[in-house]
Amino acid sequence: MVNNGAPRWETAILDGGPADGMRVRVADRPSVLQVNRPCAIEDPQDGVRDPREGVHVAALHIYRRDLKVKSEPLRYGFDGVSP
């Protein structure tokens, strides 16, 4: 849904999962949203510097658009079996 070449922004609500109830703005009604939550990385027990320093780990959560909802706020439901 493009309006004169500019993206159309709409409000959406996330249902279920770790972002339940969160309101977001989406452009052009994407079919899937990705939510990331950072994971803590533990320090090595032996005090040796980890060669993966600078690596970040995040839990990935997928939300799929409810195609029955045609007007704002759009709704995205948590997909617990994805990816």
PDB file of N, CA and C in Angstrom:
ATOM      1  N   MET A   1       0.834  -1.175   0.000  1.00  0.00           N
ATOM      2  CA  MET A   1       0.000   0.000   0.000  1.00  0.00           C
ATOM      3  C   MET A   1       0.878   1.237   0.000  1.00  0.00           C
ATOM      4  N   VAL A   2       1.095   1.760  -1.148  1.00  0.00           N
ATOM      5  CA  VAL A   2       1.974   2.910  -1.289  1.00  0.00           C
ATOM      6  C   VAL A   2       1.149   4.123  -1.682  1.00  0.00           C
ATOM      7  N   ASN A   3       1.462   5.260  -1.094  1.00  0.00           N
ATOM      8  CA  ASN A   3       0.747   6.500  -1.344  1.00  0.00           C
ATOM      9  C   ASN A   3       1.719   7.495  -1.964  1.00  0.00           C
ATOM     10  N   ASN A   4       1.635   7.709  -3.279  1.00  0.00           N
ATOM     11  CA  ASN A   4       2.518   8.635  -3.989  1.00  0.00           C
ATOM     12  C   ASN A   4       3.991   8.308  -3.765  1.00  0.00           C
ATOM     13  N   GLY A   5       4.332   7.047  -3.724  1.00  0.00           N
ATOM     14  CA  GLY A   5       5.718   6.641  -3.543  1.00  0.00           C
ATOM     15  C   GLY A   5       6.198   6.637  -2.113  1.00  0.00           C
ATOM     16  N   ALA A   6       5.429   7.200  -1.198  1.00  0.00           N
ATOM     17  CA  ALA A   6       5.818   7.222   0.214  1.00  0.00           C
ATOM     18  C   ALA A   6       5.189   6.027   0.925  1.00  0.00           C
ATOM     19  N   PRO A   7       5.906   5.426   1.870  1.00  0.00           N
ATOM     20  CA  PRO A   7       5.316   4.304   2.604  1.00  0.00           C
ATOM     21  C   PRO A   7       4.122   4.756   3.434  1.00  0.00           C
ATOM     22  N   ARG A   8       3.165   3.874   3.592  1.00  0.00           N
ATOM     23  CA  ARG A   8       1.994   4.149   4.425  1.00  0.00           C
ATOM     24  C   ARG A   8       2.243   3.544   5.810  1.00  0.00           C
ATOM     25  N   TRP A   9       2.298   4.386   6.808  1.00  0.00           N
ATOM     26  CA  TRP A   9       2.565   3.949   8.177  1.00  0.00           C
ATOM     27  C   TRP A   9       1.265   3.728   8.916  1.00  0.00           C
ATOM     28  N   GLU A  10       1.200   2.607   9.663  1.00  0.00           N
ATOM     29  CA  GLU A  10       0.011   2.264  10.444  1.00  0.00           C
ATOM     30  C   GLU A  10       0.427   1.723  11.803  1.00  0.00           C
ATOM     31  N   THR A  11      -0.476   1.827  12.754  1.00  0.00           N
ATOM     32  CA  THR A  11      -0.252   1.270  14.081  1.00  0.00           C
ATOM     33  C   THR A  11      -0.621  -0.204  14.079  1.00  0.00           C
ATOM     34  N   ALA A  12       0.175  -0.996  14.797  1.00  0.00           N
ATOM     35  CA  ALA A  12      -0.092  -2.424  14.937  1.00  0.00           C
ATOM     36  C   ALA A  12       0.119  -2.824  16.391  1.00  0.00           C
ATOM     37  N   ILE A  13      -0.589  -3.864  16.800  1.00  0.00           N
ATOM     38  CA  ILE A  13      -0.467  -4.403  18.154  1.00  0.00           C
ATOM     39  C   ILE A  13       0.037  -5.837  18.044  1.00  0.00           C
ATOM     40  N   LEU A  14       1.005  -6.185  18.907  1.00  0.00           N
ATOM     41  CA  LEU A  14       1.533  -7.544  18.937  1.00  0.00           C
ATOM     42  C   LEU A  14       0.780  -8.348  19.989  1.00  0.00           C
ATOM     43  N   ASP A  15       0.322  -9.546  19.600  1.00  0.00           N
ATOM     44  CA  ASP A  15      -0.438 -10.422  20.491  1.00  0.00           C
ATOM     45  C   ASP A  15       0.385 -11.645  20.870  1.00  0.00           C
ATOM     46  N   GLY A  16       0.486 -11.898  22.171  1.00  0.00           N
ATOM     47  CA  GLY A  16       1.178 -13.088  22.660  1.00  0.00           C
ATOM     48  C   GLY A  16       2.683 -12.909  22.700  1.00  0.00           C
ATOM     49  N   GLY A  17       3.356 -13.948  23.168  1.00  0.00           N
ATOM     50  CA  GLY A  17       4.817 -13.954  23.200  1.00  0.00           C
ATOM     51  C   GLY A  17       5.418 -12.882  24.083  1.00  0.00           C
ATOM     52  N   PRO A  18       6.713 -12.650  23.935  1.00  0.00           N
ATOM     53  CA  PRO A  18       7.427 -11.719  24.821  1.00  0.00           C
ATOM     54  C   PRO A  18       7.069 -10.255  24.606  1.00  0.00           C
ATOM     55  N   ALA A  19       6.482  -9.908  23.465  1.00  0.00           N
ATOM     56  CA  ALA A  19       6.131  -8.506  23.183  1.00  0.00           C
ATOM     57  C   ALA A  19       4.624  -8.288  23.249  1.00  0.00           C
ATOM     58  N   ASP A  20       3.913  -9.136  23.971  1.00  0.00           N
ATOM     59  CA  ASP A  20       2.450  -9.060  24.056  1.00  0.00           C
ATOM     60  C   ASP A  20       1.976  -7.673  24.451  1.00  0.00           C
ATOM     61  N   GLY A  21       1.073  -7.116  23.631  1.00  0.00           N
ATOM     62  CA  GLY A  21       0.498  -5.816  23.923  1.00  0.00           C
ATOM     63  C   GLY A  21       1.305  -4.628  23.413  1.00  0.00           C
ATOM     64  N   MET A  22       2.501  -4.877  22.914  1.00  0.00           N
ATOM     65  CA  MET A  22       3.337  -3.784  22.418  1.00  0.00           C
ATOM     66  C   MET A  22       2.697  -3.181  21.166  1.00  0.00           C
ATOM     67  N   ARG A  23       2.713  -1.860  21.093  1.00  0.00           N
ATOM     68  CA  ARG A  23       2.199  -1.142  19.925  1.00  0.00           C
ATOM     69  C   ARG A  23       3.392  -0.649  19.117  1.00  0.00           C
ATOM     70  N   VAL A  24       3.332  -0.852  17.802  1.00  0.00           N
ATOM     71  CA  VAL A  24       4.422  -0.441  16.916  1.00  0.00           C
ATOM     72  C   VAL A  24       3.840   0.236  15.685  1.00  0.00           C
ATOM     73  N   ARG A  25       4.682   0.949  14.953  1.00  0.00           N
ATOM     74  CA  ARG A  25       4.292   1.545  13.676  1.00  0.00           C
ATOM     75  C   ARG A  25       4.961   0.728  12.584  1.00  0.00           C
ATOM     76  N   VAL A  26       4.181   0.307  11.587  1.00  0.00           N
ATOM     77  CA  VAL A  26       4.711  -0.485  10.474  1.00  0.00           C
ATOM     78  C   VAL A  26       4.425   0.234   9.165  1.00  0.00           C
ATOM     79  N   ALA A  27       5.298   0.038   8.193  1.00  0.00           N
ATOM     80  CA  ALA A  27       5.127   0.633   6.874  1.00  0.00           C
ATOM     81  C   ALA A  27       4.688  -0.442   5.887  1.00  0.00           C
ATOM     82  N   ASP A  28       3.627  -0.168   5.155  1.00  0.00           N
ATOM     83  CA  ASP A  28       3.181  -1.016   4.047  1.00  0.00           C
ATOM     84  C   ASP A  28       2.788  -2.436   4.450  1.00  0.00           C
ATOM     85  N   ARG A  29       2.308  -2.615   5.656  1.00  0.00           N
ATOM     86  CA  ARG A  29       1.747  -3.883   6.136  1.00  0.00           C
ATOM     87  C   ARG A  29       2.620  -5.119   5.881  1.00  0.00           C
ATOM     88  N   PRO A  30       3.793  -5.195   6.472  1.00  0.00           N
ATOM     89  CA  PRO A  30       4.609  -6.397   6.285  1.00  0.00           C
ATOM     90  C   PRO A  30       3.871  -7.624   6.823  1.00  0.00           C
ATOM     91  N   SER A  31       4.107  -8.776   6.217  1.00  0.00           N
ATOM     92  CA  SER A  31       3.409  -9.989   6.648  1.00  0.00           C
ATOM     93  C   SER A  31       3.999 -10.581   7.921  1.00  0.00           C
ATOM     94  N   VAL A  32       5.269 -10.291   8.183  1.00  0.00           N
ATOM     95  CA  VAL A  32       5.951 -10.857   9.345  1.00  0.00           C
ATOM     96  C   VAL A  32       6.768  -9.769  10.029  1.00  0.00           C
ATOM     97  N   LEU A  33       6.763  -9.783  11.366  1.00  0.00           N
ATOM     98  CA  LEU A  33       7.638  -8.914  12.156  1.00  0.00           C
ATOM     99  C   LEU A  33       8.572  -9.792  12.972  1.00  0.00           C
ATOM    100  N   GLN A  34       9.772  -9.309  13.169  1.00  0.00           N
ATOM    101  CA  GLN A  34      10.765 -10.017  13.961  1.00  0.00           C
ATOM    102  C   GLN A  34      11.049  -9.204  15.213  1.00  0.00           C
ATOM    103  N   VAL A  35      10.974  -9.849  16.368  1.00  0.00           N
ATOM    104  CA  VAL A  35      11.300  -9.213  17.640  1.00  0.00           C
ATOM    105  C   VAL A  35      12.538  -9.916  18.183  1.00  0.00           C
ATOM    106  N   ASN A  36      13.530  -9.148  18.580  1.00  0.00           N
ATOM    107  CA  ASN A  36      14.752  -9.706  19.150  1.00  0.00           C
ATOM    108  C   ASN A  36      14.872  -9.297  20.609  1.00  0.00           C
ATOM    109  N   ARG A  37      15.310 -10.233  21.419  1.00  0.00           N
ATOM    110  CA  ARG A  37      15.582  -9.946  22.830  1.00  0.00           C
ATOM    111  C   ARG A  37      17.017 -10.368  23.114  1.00  0.00           C
ATOM    112  N   PRO A  38      17.860  -9.437  23.590  1.00  0.00           N
ATOM    113  CA  PRO A  38      19.264  -9.784  23.835  1.00  0.00           C
ATOM    114  C   PRO A  38      19.394 -10.873  24.898  1.00  0.00           C
ATOM    115  N   CYS A  39      20.378 -11.733  24.694  1.00  0.00           N
ATOM    116  CA  CYS A  39      20.715 -12.767  25.681  1.00  0.00           C
ATOM    117  C   CYS A  39      22.013 -12.367  26.369  1.00  0.00           C
ATOM    118  N   ALA A  40      22.105 -12.679  27.641  1.00  0.00           N
ATOM    119  CA  ALA A  40      23.341 -12.395  28.379  1.00  0.00           C
ATOM    120  C   ALA A  40      24.384 -13.446  28.028  1.00  0.00           C
ATOM    121  N   ILE A  41      25.609 -13.000  27.827  1.00  0.00           N
ATOM    122  CA  ILE A  41      26.712 -13.919  27.565  1.00  0.00           C
ATOM    123  C   ILE A  41      27.537 -13.992  28.837  1.00  0.00           C
ATOM    124  N   GLU A  42      27.754 -15.192  29.322  1.00  0.00           N
ATOM    125  CA  GLU A  42      28.498 -15.371  30.566  1.00  0.00           C
ATOM    126  C   GLU A  42      29.998 -15.236  30.328  1.00  0.00           C
ATOM    127  N   ASP A  43      30.683 -14.721  31.336  1.00  0.00           N
ATOM    128  CA  ASP A  43      32.139 -14.629  31.275  1.00  0.00           C
ATOM    129  C   ASP A  43      32.727 -16.034  31.409  1.00  0.00           C
ATOM    130  N   PRO A  44      33.835 -16.282  30.711  1.00  0.00           N
ATOM    131  CA  PRO A  44      34.461 -17.606  30.843  1.00  0.00           C
ATOM    132  C   PRO A  44      34.945 -17.830  32.277  1.00  0.00           C
ATOM    133  N   GLN A  45      34.791 -19.050  32.760  1.00  0.00           N
ATOM    134  CA  GLN A  45      35.177 -19.384  34.134  1.00  0.00           C
ATOM    135  C   GLN A  45      36.682 -19.329  34.348  1.00  0.00           C
ATOM    136  N   ASP A  46      37.458 -19.627  33.310  1.00  0.00           N
ATOM    137  CA  ASP A  46      38.916 -19.696  33.473  1.00  0.00           C
ATOM    138  C   ASP A  46      39.605 -18.356  33.288  1.00  0.00           C
ATOM    139  N   GLY A  47      38.843 -17.289  32.994  1.00  0.00           N
ATOM    140  CA  GLY A  47      39.418 -15.967  32.844  1.00  0.00           C
ATOM    141  C   GLY A  47      40.112 -15.742  31.510  1.00  0.00           C
ATOM    142  N   VAL A  48      40.097 -16.751  30.631  1.00  0.00           N
ATOM    143  CA  VAL A  48      40.726 -16.614  29.316  1.00  0.00           C
ATOM    144  C   VAL A  48      39.811 -15.791  28.418  1.00  0.00           C
ATOM    145  N   ARG A  49      40.395 -14.872  27.672  1.00  0.00           N
ATOM    146  CA  ARG A  49      39.614 -14.011  26.776  1.00  0.00           C
ATOM    147  C   ARG A  49      38.956 -14.858  25.686  1.00  0.00           C
ATOM    148  N   ASP A  50      37.692 -14.633  25.489  1.00  0.00           N
ATOM    149  CA  ASP A  50      36.913 -15.371  24.495  1.00  0.00           C
ATOM    150  C   ASP A  50      37.219 -14.826  23.100  1.00  0.00           C
ATOM    151  N   PRO A  51      37.613 -15.683  22.147  1.00  0.00           N
ATOM    152  CA  PRO A  51      37.922 -15.205  20.790  1.00  0.00           C
ATOM    153  C   PRO A  51      36.686 -14.684  20.047  1.00  0.00           C
ATOM    154  N   ARG A  52      35.520 -14.925  20.570  1.00  0.00           N
ATOM    155  CA  ARG A  52      34.280 -14.444  19.937  1.00  0.00           C
ATOM    156  C   ARG A  52      33.874 -13.082  20.476  1.00  0.00           C
ATOM    157  N   GLU A  53      34.775 -12.396  21.144  1.00  0.00           N
ATOM    158  CA  GLU A  53      34.463 -11.086  21.708  1.00  0.00           C
ATOM    159  C   GLU A  53      33.860 -10.186  20.634  1.00  0.00           C
ATOM    160  N   GLY A  54      32.835  -9.471  20.991  1.00  0.00           N
ATOM    161  CA  GLY A  54      32.135  -8.615  20.039  1.00  0.00           C
ATOM    162  C   GLY A  54      30.917  -9.297  19.437  1.00  0.00           C
ATOM    163  N   VAL A  55      30.740 -10.589  19.688  1.00  0.00           N
ATOM    164  CA  VAL A  55      29.580 -11.329  19.194  1.00  0.00           C
ATOM    165  C   VAL A  55      28.401 -11.045  20.115  1.00  0.00           C
ATOM    166  N   HIS A  56      27.243 -10.829  19.543  1.00  0.00           N
ATOM    167  CA  HIS A  56      26.024 -10.602  20.304  1.00  0.00           C
ATOM    168  C   HIS A  56      25.052 -11.736  20.017  1.00  0.00           C
ATOM    169  N   VAL A  57      24.336 -12.178  21.040  1.00  0.00           N
ATOM    170  CA  VAL A  57      23.351 -13.247  20.898  1.00  0.00           C
ATOM    171  C   VAL A  57      21.990 -12.678  21.254  1.00  0.00           C
ATOM    172  N   ALA A  58      20.983 -13.000  20.444  1.00  0.00           N
ATOM    173  CA  ALA A  58      19.630 -12.520  20.701  1.00  0.00           C
ATOM    174  C   ALA A  58      18.635 -13.643  20.423  1.00  0.00           C
ATOM    175  N   ALA A  59      17.606 -13.722  21.265  1.00  0.00           N
ATOM    176  CA  ALA A  59      16.505 -14.648  21.023  1.00  0.00           C
ATOM    177  C   ALA A  59      15.617 -14.032  19.943  1.00  0.00           C
ATOM    178  N   LEU A  60      15.186 -14.820  19.000  1.00  0.00           N
ATOM    179  CA  LEU A  60      14.382 -14.368  17.875  1.00  0.00           C
ATOM    180  C   LEU A  60      12.937 -14.811  18.064  1.00  0.00           C
ATOM    181  N   HIS A  61      11.996 -13.866  17.907  1.00  0.00           N
ATOM    182  CA  HIS A  61      10.566 -14.162  18.039  1.00  0.00           C
ATOM    183  C   HIS A  61       9.864 -13.624  16.792  1.00  0.00           C
ATOM    184  N   ILE A  62       8.967 -14.412  16.233  1.00  0.00           N
ATOM    185  CA  ILE A  62       8.283 -14.068  14.984  1.00  0.00           C
ATOM    186  C   ILE A  62       6.805 -13.775  15.268  1.00  0.00           C
ATOM    187  N   TYR A  63       6.307 -12.712  14.648  1.00  0.00           N
ATOM    188  CA  TYR A  63       4.893 -12.329  14.726  1.00  0.00           C
ATOM    189  C   TYR A  63       4.358 -12.240  13.300  1.00  0.00           C
ATOM    190  N   ARG A  64       3.206 -12.867  13.048  1.00  0.00           N
ATOM    191  CA  ARG A  64       2.598 -12.873  11.712  1.00  0.00           C
ATOM    192  C   ARG A  64       1.322 -12.024  11.710  1.00  0.00           C
ATOM    193  N   ARG A  65       1.146 -11.279  10.614  1.00  0.00           N
ATOM    194  CA  ARG A  65      -0.013 -10.382  10.510  1.00  0.00           C
ATOM    195  C   ARG A  65      -1.298 -11.178  10.394  1.00  0.00           C
ATOM    196  N   ASP A  66      -2.309 -10.748  11.128  1.00  0.00           N
ATOM    197  CA  ASP A  66      -3.648 -11.325  11.058  1.00  0.00           C
ATOM    198  C   ASP A  66      -4.332 -10.710   9.839  1.00  0.00           C
ATOM    199  N   LEU A  67      -4.500 -11.503   8.786  1.00  0.00           N
ATOM    200  CA  LEU A  67      -5.035 -10.999   7.522  1.00  0.00           C
ATOM    201  C   LEU A  67      -6.513 -10.639   7.591  1.00  0.00           C
ATOM    202  N   LYS A  68      -7.192 -11.049   8.663  1.00  0.00           N
ATOM    203  CA  LYS A  68      -8.614 -10.701   8.815  1.00  0.00           C
ATOM    204  C   LYS A  68      -8.793  -9.257   9.271  1.00  0.00           C
ATOM    205  N   VAL A  69      -7.752  -8.680   9.857  1.00  0.00           N
ATOM    206  CA  VAL A  69      -7.823  -7.299  10.345  1.00  0.00           C
ATOM    207  C   VAL A  69      -7.461  -6.372   9.185  1.00  0.00           C
ATOM    208  N   LYS A  70      -8.410  -5.532   8.773  1.00  0.00           N
ATOM    209  CA  LYS A  70      -8.230  -4.678   7.593  1.00  0.00           C
ATOM    210  C   LYS A  70      -7.953  -3.212   7.916  1.00  0.00           C
ATOM    211  N   SER A  71      -8.135  -2.806   9.186  1.00  0.00           N
ATOM    212  CA  SER A  71      -7.926  -1.403   9.542  1.00  0.00           C
ATOM    213  C   SER A  71      -7.111  -1.313  10.836  1.00  0.00           C
ATOM    214  N   GLU A  72      -6.651  -0.105  11.117  1.00  0.00           N
ATOM    215  CA  GLU A  72      -5.848   0.102  12.328  1.00  0.00           C
ATOM    216  C   GLU A  72      -6.669  -0.094  13.590  1.00  0.00           C
ATOM    217  N   PRO A  73      -6.050  -0.595  14.637  1.00  0.00           N
ATOM    218  CA  PRO A  73      -4.699  -1.099  14.649  1.00  0.00           C
ATOM    219  C   PRO A  73      -4.627  -2.491  14.014  1.00  0.00           C
ATOM    220  N   LEU A  74      -3.592  -2.696  13.194  1.00  0.00           N
ATOM    221  CA  LEU A  74      -3.343  -4.023  12.647  1.00  0.00           C
ATOM    222  C   LEU A  74      -2.955  -4.937  13.799  1.00  0.00           C
ATOM    223  N   ARG A  75      -3.035  -6.233  13.597  1.00  0.00           N
ATOM    224  CA  ARG A  75      -2.682  -7.179  14.652  1.00  0.00           C
ATOM    225  C   ARG A  75      -1.683  -8.193  14.115  1.00  0.00           C
ATOM    226  N   TYR A  76      -0.706  -8.465  14.933  1.00  0.00           N
ATOM    227  CA  TYR A  76       0.311  -9.475  14.626  1.00  0.00           C
ATOM    228  C   TYR A  76       0.323 -10.478  15.765  1.00  0.00           C
ATOM    229  N   GLY A  77       0.147 -11.760  15.443  1.00  0.00           N
ATOM    230  CA  GLY A  77       0.120 -12.811  16.445  1.00  0.00           C
ATOM    231  C   GLY A  77       1.462 -13.515  16.550  1.00  0.00           C
ATOM    232  N   PHE A  78       1.810 -13.880  17.754  1.00  0.00           N
ATOM    233  CA  PHE A  78       3.058 -14.587  18.040  1.00  0.00           C
ATOM    234  C   PHE A  78       3.043 -15.965  17.396  1.00  0.00           C
ATOM    235  N   ASP A  79       4.108 -16.302  16.711  1.00  0.00           N
ATOM    236  CA  ASP A  79       4.268 -17.629  16.109  1.00  0.00           C
ATOM    237  C   ASP A  79       5.306 -18.387  16.926  1.00  0.00           C
ATOM    238  N   GLY A  80       4.839 -19.196  17.852  1.00  0.00           N
ATOM    239  CA  GLY A  80       5.723 -19.878  18.784  1.00  0.00           C
ATOM    240  C   GLY A  80       6.540 -20.999  18.169  1.00  0.00           C
ATOM    241  N   VAL A  81       6.226 -21.423  16.959  1.00  0.00           N
ATOM    242  CA  VAL A  81       6.975 -22.518  16.342  1.00  0.00           C
ATOM    243  C   VAL A  81       7.945 -22.013  15.270  1.00  0.00           C
ATOM    244  N   SER A  82       8.057 -20.733  15.073  1.00  0.00           N
ATOM    245  CA  SER A  82       8.960 -20.166  14.086  1.00  0.00           C
ATOM    246  C   SER A  82      10.171 -19.597  14.807  1.00  0.00           C
ATOM    247  N   PRO A  83      11.300 -19.570  14.247  1.00  0.00           N
ATOM    248  CA  PRO A  83      11.702 -20.063  12.946  1.00  0.00           C
ATOM    249  C   PRO A  83      11.974 -21.527  12.970  1.00  0.00           C
TER     250      PRO A  83
END
